[in-house]
Amino acid sequence: MPEAKKKILVLFAHPSQERSEVNKPLFAECQQHGDVTAIDLYREYPTFHINIDKEQQRLTEHDVIIFMFPFYWYSTPAILKQWQDLVLEYGFAYGTNGTALKGKQFLCAITAGGGENAYKQEGFNHFTIRELLRPMEQTAFLTGMEYLAPFVLFGARNAVEENRVHEHVHQLHTLLNALSNNKLDIEQAKALPQLNKSLATLIQA
């Protein structure tokens, strides 16, 4: 008997959507996918008053959690940090009886302004993307989720003129399908520096 499809929750956070050339089409792809619940946090909570019960219910109803955001100043946008601070409560996400997220899969789908060469020890930013996302990885560890390598578009500032956006959106579509249909090699996906470079090899027949 085939495995049931996984339900995916995408939490999208972009503080300046009117200037977004890449994240908007990525989020639009998520909105069109039948197995994805796509939430625009800035639209849903313009005053930052997050409905904790509602967000916790969303988490319990989904199998895969994706944070989608532009990687500004080596961190998440403010509303996504607010969401984490309020929603991932002791007794729900971690601690005594805090097992609501245990066994779920978690990844970050991000865009970075700099090129890939800027994200290494000898590069401009001195660390890899995966290293800079260590707080997200530790959050997954603490809450019992499986942390998958990030899905990254480097050089986002030049992606439109270099005609790279369409291909990246297509890769996201492929990733969402693989996740929802249980076709992604999870062990490999956990070990890689990033998902999109090796996406084709991660999808099982």
Protein backbone atom coordinates (compact mmCIF):
# COMPACT_ATOMS: atom_id res chain seq x y z
CA MET A 1 0.00 0.00 0.00
CA PRO A 2 1.53 3.38 -1.01
CA GLU A 3 2.40 5.89 1.69
CA ALA A 4 -0.04 8.71 2.29
CA LYS A 5 0.94 12.02 0.78
CA LYS A 6 2.72 14.44 3.07
CA LYS A 7 1.11 17.79 3.80
CA ILE A 8 3.48 20.75 3.48
CA LEU A 9 3.27 24.05 5.36
CA VAL A 10 5.17 26.99 3.84
CA LEU A 11 5.64 30.01 6.08
CA PHE A 12 6.64 32.92 3.85
CA ALA A 13 8.21 36.06 5.30
CA HIS A 14 9.29 38.95 3.10
CA PRO A 15 9.27 42.47 4.59
CA SER A 16 9.41 44.26 1.24
CA GLN A 17 7.37 42.25 -1.23
CA GLU A 18 6.86 45.14 -3.64
CA ARG A 19 10.60 44.92 -4.34
CA SER A 20 10.75 41.14 -4.57
CA GLU A 21 11.69 39.66 -7.94
CA VAL A 22 12.37 36.10 -6.81
CA ASN A 23 10.52 35.31 -3.61
CA LYS A 24 7.13 36.34 -4.99
CA PRO A 25 7.20 33.82 -7.87
CA LEU A 26 8.52 31.16 -5.49
CA PHE A 27 5.65 31.77 -3.08
CA ALA A 28 3.18 31.83 -5.97
CA GLU A 29 4.40 28.35 -6.94
CA CYS A 30 3.70 27.16 -3.40
CA GLN A 31 0.20 28.66 -3.51
CA GLN A 32 -0.60 26.66 -6.64
CA HIS A 33 0.51 23.30 -5.24
CA GLY A 34 -2.30 21.03 -4.08
CA ASP A 35 -0.40 19.55 -1.13
CA VAL A 36 0.89 22.87 0.21
CA THR A 37 -0.64 25.32 2.68
CA ALA A 38 1.11 28.62 1.86
CA ILE A 39 0.97 31.34 4.53
CA ASP A 40 2.18 34.91 3.99
CA LEU A 41 3.05 35.90 7.54
CA TYR A 42 3.34 39.65 6.87
CA ARG A 43 -0.07 39.67 5.18
CA GLU A 44 -1.68 37.51 7.86
CA TYR A 45 -0.19 39.41 10.80
CA PRO A 46 0.48 43.02 9.74
CA THR A 47 0.58 44.14 13.38
CA PHE A 48 2.72 41.14 14.48
CA HIS A 49 -0.08 39.86 16.78
CA ILE A 50 0.37 36.19 16.00
CA ASN A 51 -2.44 33.76 16.80
CA ILE A 52 -0.44 31.14 18.68
CA ASP A 53 -3.20 28.51 18.86
CA LYS A 54 -3.91 28.84 15.15
CA GLU A 55 -0.24 28.51 14.22
CA GLN A 56 0.30 25.54 16.50
CA GLN A 57 -2.73 23.83 14.95
CA ARG A 58 -1.26 24.42 11.50
CA LEU A 59 1.97 22.78 12.60
CA THR A 60 0.24 19.70 13.97
CA GLU A 61 -1.75 19.29 10.75
CA HIS A 62 1.31 19.22 8.46
CA ASP A 63 4.21 16.83 7.95
CA VAL A 64 6.76 19.15 6.33
CA ILE A 65 7.53 22.69 7.52
CA ILE A 66 9.30 25.15 5.19
CA PHE A 67 10.49 28.61 6.16
CA MET A 68 10.70 30.72 2.97
CA PHE A 69 12.48 34.06 3.26
CA PRO A 70 15.21 36.34 1.89
CA PHE A 71 18.41 35.85 3.88
CA TYR A 72 18.94 39.40 5.15
CA TRP A 73 21.76 40.07 7.62
CA TYR A 74 22.39 36.36 8.23
CA SER A 75 19.00 35.81 9.79
CA THR A 76 15.25 35.56 9.26
CA PRO A 77 12.96 38.56 8.79
CA ALA A 78 11.53 39.95 12.03
CA ILE A 79 8.07 38.40 11.80
CA LEU A 80 9.50 34.92 11.38
CA LYS A 81 11.59 35.38 14.51
CA GLN A 82 8.48 36.64 16.30
CA TRP A 83 6.61 33.57 15.07
CA GLN A 84 9.33 31.26 16.43
CA ASP A 85 9.48 33.04 19.78
CA LEU A 86 5.73 32.76 20.35
CA VAL A 87 4.64 29.57 18.57
CA LEU A 88 7.43 27.14 19.48
CA GLU A 89 6.47 27.05 23.14
CA TYR A 90 7.81 24.87 25.90
CA GLY A 91 5.41 21.97 26.36
CA PHE A 92 4.36 22.15 22.70
CA ALA A 93 7.52 22.15 20.59
CA TYR A 94 10.08 21.04 23.19
CA GLY A 95 10.47 20.20 26.87
CA THR A 96 8.14 18.11 29.00
CA ASN A 97 5.41 16.69 26.73
CA GLY A 98 6.61 19.01 23.96
CA THR A 99 6.55 16.49 21.14
CA ALA A 100 4.14 18.09 18.65
CA LEU A 101 6.83 18.50 15.97
CA LYS A 102 8.68 15.23 16.51
CA GLY A 103 9.36 13.39 13.25
CA LYS A 104 8.31 16.22 10.95
CA GLN A 105 10.68 17.43 8.25
CA PHE A 106 11.95 21.00 8.22
CA LEU A 107 13.93 23.09 5.77
CA CYS A 108 14.63 26.69 4.81
CA ALA A 109 13.99 27.93 1.26
CA ILE A 110 15.99 31.12 1.00
CA THR A 111 17.39 33.66 -1.41
CA ALA A 112 20.79 35.23 -0.87
CA GLY A 113 21.96 38.43 -2.54
CA GLY A 114 25.59 37.36 -2.79
CA GLY A 115 27.01 34.74 -5.11
CA GLU A 116 27.80 31.24 -3.87
CA ASN A 117 31.53 32.00 -3.70
CA ALA A 118 30.82 34.64 -1.06
CA TYR A 119 29.54 31.95 1.30
CA LYS A 120 32.64 30.02 2.27
CA GLN A 121 35.54 30.44 4.70
CA GLU A 122 37.68 32.44 2.29
CA GLY A 123 34.71 34.32 0.84
CA PHE A 124 33.15 37.66 1.72
CA ASN A 125 30.80 36.16 4.34
CA HIS A 126 33.35 33.71 5.84
CA PHE A 127 30.81 30.92 6.40
CA THR A 128 28.70 28.60 4.27
CA ILE A 129 24.93 29.06 4.12
CA ARG A 130 24.47 25.87 6.08
CA GLU A 131 26.80 27.16 8.79
CA LEU A 132 24.98 30.49 8.97
CA LEU A 133 21.68 28.63 9.35
CA ARG A 134 22.89 26.65 12.37
CA PRO A 135 20.25 28.25 14.67
CA MET A 136 17.57 26.76 12.38
CA GLU A 137 19.30 23.38 12.50
CA GLN A 138 19.48 23.47 16.28
CA THR A 139 15.80 24.47 16.44
CA ALA A 140 14.98 21.36 14.42
CA PHE A 141 17.15 19.23 16.71
CA LEU A 142 15.56 20.61 19.87
CA THR A 143 12.03 20.05 18.57
CA GLY A 144 12.70 16.58 17.18
CA MET A 145 12.31 17.50 13.52
CA GLU A 146 14.45 16.17 10.68
CA TYR A 147 16.51 19.07 9.35
CA LEU A 148 17.01 19.01 5.60
CA ALA A 149 19.68 21.01 3.78
CA PRO A 150 18.55 24.48 2.66
CA PHE A 151 17.08 25.18 -0.77
CA VAL A 152 19.02 28.26 -1.90
CA LEU A 153 19.11 30.74 -4.76
CA PHE A 154 22.43 32.60 -4.66
CA GLY A 155 22.99 35.88 -6.48
CA ALA A 156 19.32 36.77 -6.15
CA ARG A 157 19.95 40.43 -7.07
CA ASN A 158 20.94 39.42 -10.61
CA ALA A 159 18.70 36.37 -11.04
CA VAL A 160 16.10 38.07 -13.25
CA GLU A 161 18.50 39.57 -15.79
CA GLU A 162 20.44 36.30 -15.85
CA ASN A 163 17.22 34.35 -16.51
CA ARG A 164 17.66 32.04 -13.52
CA VAL A 165 14.32 32.55 -11.78
CA HIS A 166 12.22 30.23 -13.94
CA GLU A 167 14.59 27.31 -13.43
CA HIS A 168 14.68 27.87 -9.67
CA VAL A 169 10.87 27.96 -9.50
CA HIS A 170 10.81 24.71 -11.50
CA GLN A 171 13.26 23.17 -9.02
CA LEU A 172 11.00 24.22 -6.16
CA HIS A 173 8.05 22.57 -7.90
CA THR A 174 10.10 19.38 -8.24
CA LEU A 175 11.13 19.51 -4.57
CA LEU A 176 7.56 20.03 -3.35
CA ASN A 177 6.36 17.09 -5.44
CA ALA A 178 9.14 14.86 -4.11
CA LEU A 179 8.39 15.82 -0.50
CA SER A 180 4.64 15.37 -0.78
CA ASN A 181 4.97 12.05 -2.61
CA ASN A 182 7.60 10.62 -0.24
CA LYS A 183 10.12 10.43 -3.09
CA LEU A 184 12.95 12.44 -1.53
CA ASP A 185 15.95 10.57 -0.14
CA ILE A 186 15.73 12.10 3.33
CA GLU A 187 19.04 10.78 4.65
CA GLN A 188 20.93 12.31 1.72
CA ALA A 189 18.90 15.50 1.97
CA LYS A 190 19.92 15.88 5.61
CA ALA A 191 23.63 15.56 4.82
CA LEU A 192 24.08 17.90 1.85
CA PRO A 193 25.31 21.53 1.98
CA GLN A 194 22.22 22.55 -0.02
CA LEU A 195 19.38 20.76 -1.79
CA ASN A 196 19.10 22.27 -5.23
CA LYS A 197 22.59 21.38 -6.46
CA SER A 198 21.88 17.66 -6.15
CA LEU A 199 18.09 17.62 -6.36
CA ALA A 200 17.87 15.20 -9.28
CA THR A 201 19.94 12.59 -7.45
CA LEU A 202 17.78 12.87 -4.33
CA ILE A 203 14.49 11.87 -5.98
CA GLN A 204 13.69 8.18 -5.78
CA ALA A 205 11.76 6.29 -8.43
